[in-house]
Amino acid sequence: MKLTELTLLVVAAIIIISCSNKNSQNTMDAETYNRFLETGSEVSGQAQSALLSHVSGAMKEGGTLYAVEFCNLEASEITDSLNNLYNCTISRVSDKNRNPQNALSTDTEKQLWEYFLSVQETEMIHDTVVMEGNQAVYYKPILTAMQACLQCHGPKEEIDPATYTKIRELYPEDEATGYGLNELRGLWKIEFDRDEETVMNRM
């Protein structure tokens, strides 16, 4: 996505962060922004494709019950391999998280989340990058884009009882249910060192 094609989301995100913190370290030029945006898009795309592929395979092998167990045990290994490749830290955050460690933890995330919610049914829902201290942090919305997502994240009464029992067993504080199709489920969060030349050299 070129700078001249930025949507109101990116403009709003920049305004939000600028108003929240005037520190010059939390700004970046257009070239830096676009390079981190492209790298973040590449990393998140690979992570999402890998997770969807493995989860789909797990569902075919043992249904949603097995897929829930797979996500609990194996998903972090997939993101760890990309962390090492791109020298970054990949996570997912949400206001209704399955794992408490994936809660919205900063003012930036909470502000971006509210904006993403307000535009989730429009074409203005796009990825963005913000500077936070010594890091460039890439955020990309995750939607419940497939009916299969709702087998573990849909309304509780529509989730297979055995699957829901397993979810509660593995995630006692689970809040990640009640979604409909194409709703905002979470955000990819990818943290890069703002001075990381390795990332830039991969472009």
Foldseek 3Di string as FASTA:
>chain_A
DAPVPAFVLQVVLVVVVCVVDVPPQWDDDRVLFVLVQVLVVVLVVQLVVVLVVVLVVQCVVPRLQSSLVCCLPPSVVSSVVSCVVQVKDKDKADCFALAVVRYPDDPSSVVSVVVCQVQLPHPNQAKGWIRDRQKIKIKHWDFQADPVSQCQQEAPVPHDPSNVVSSCVSRVSGRRHHDDHSHGRIMIIMIDGSPDVSSSVVD
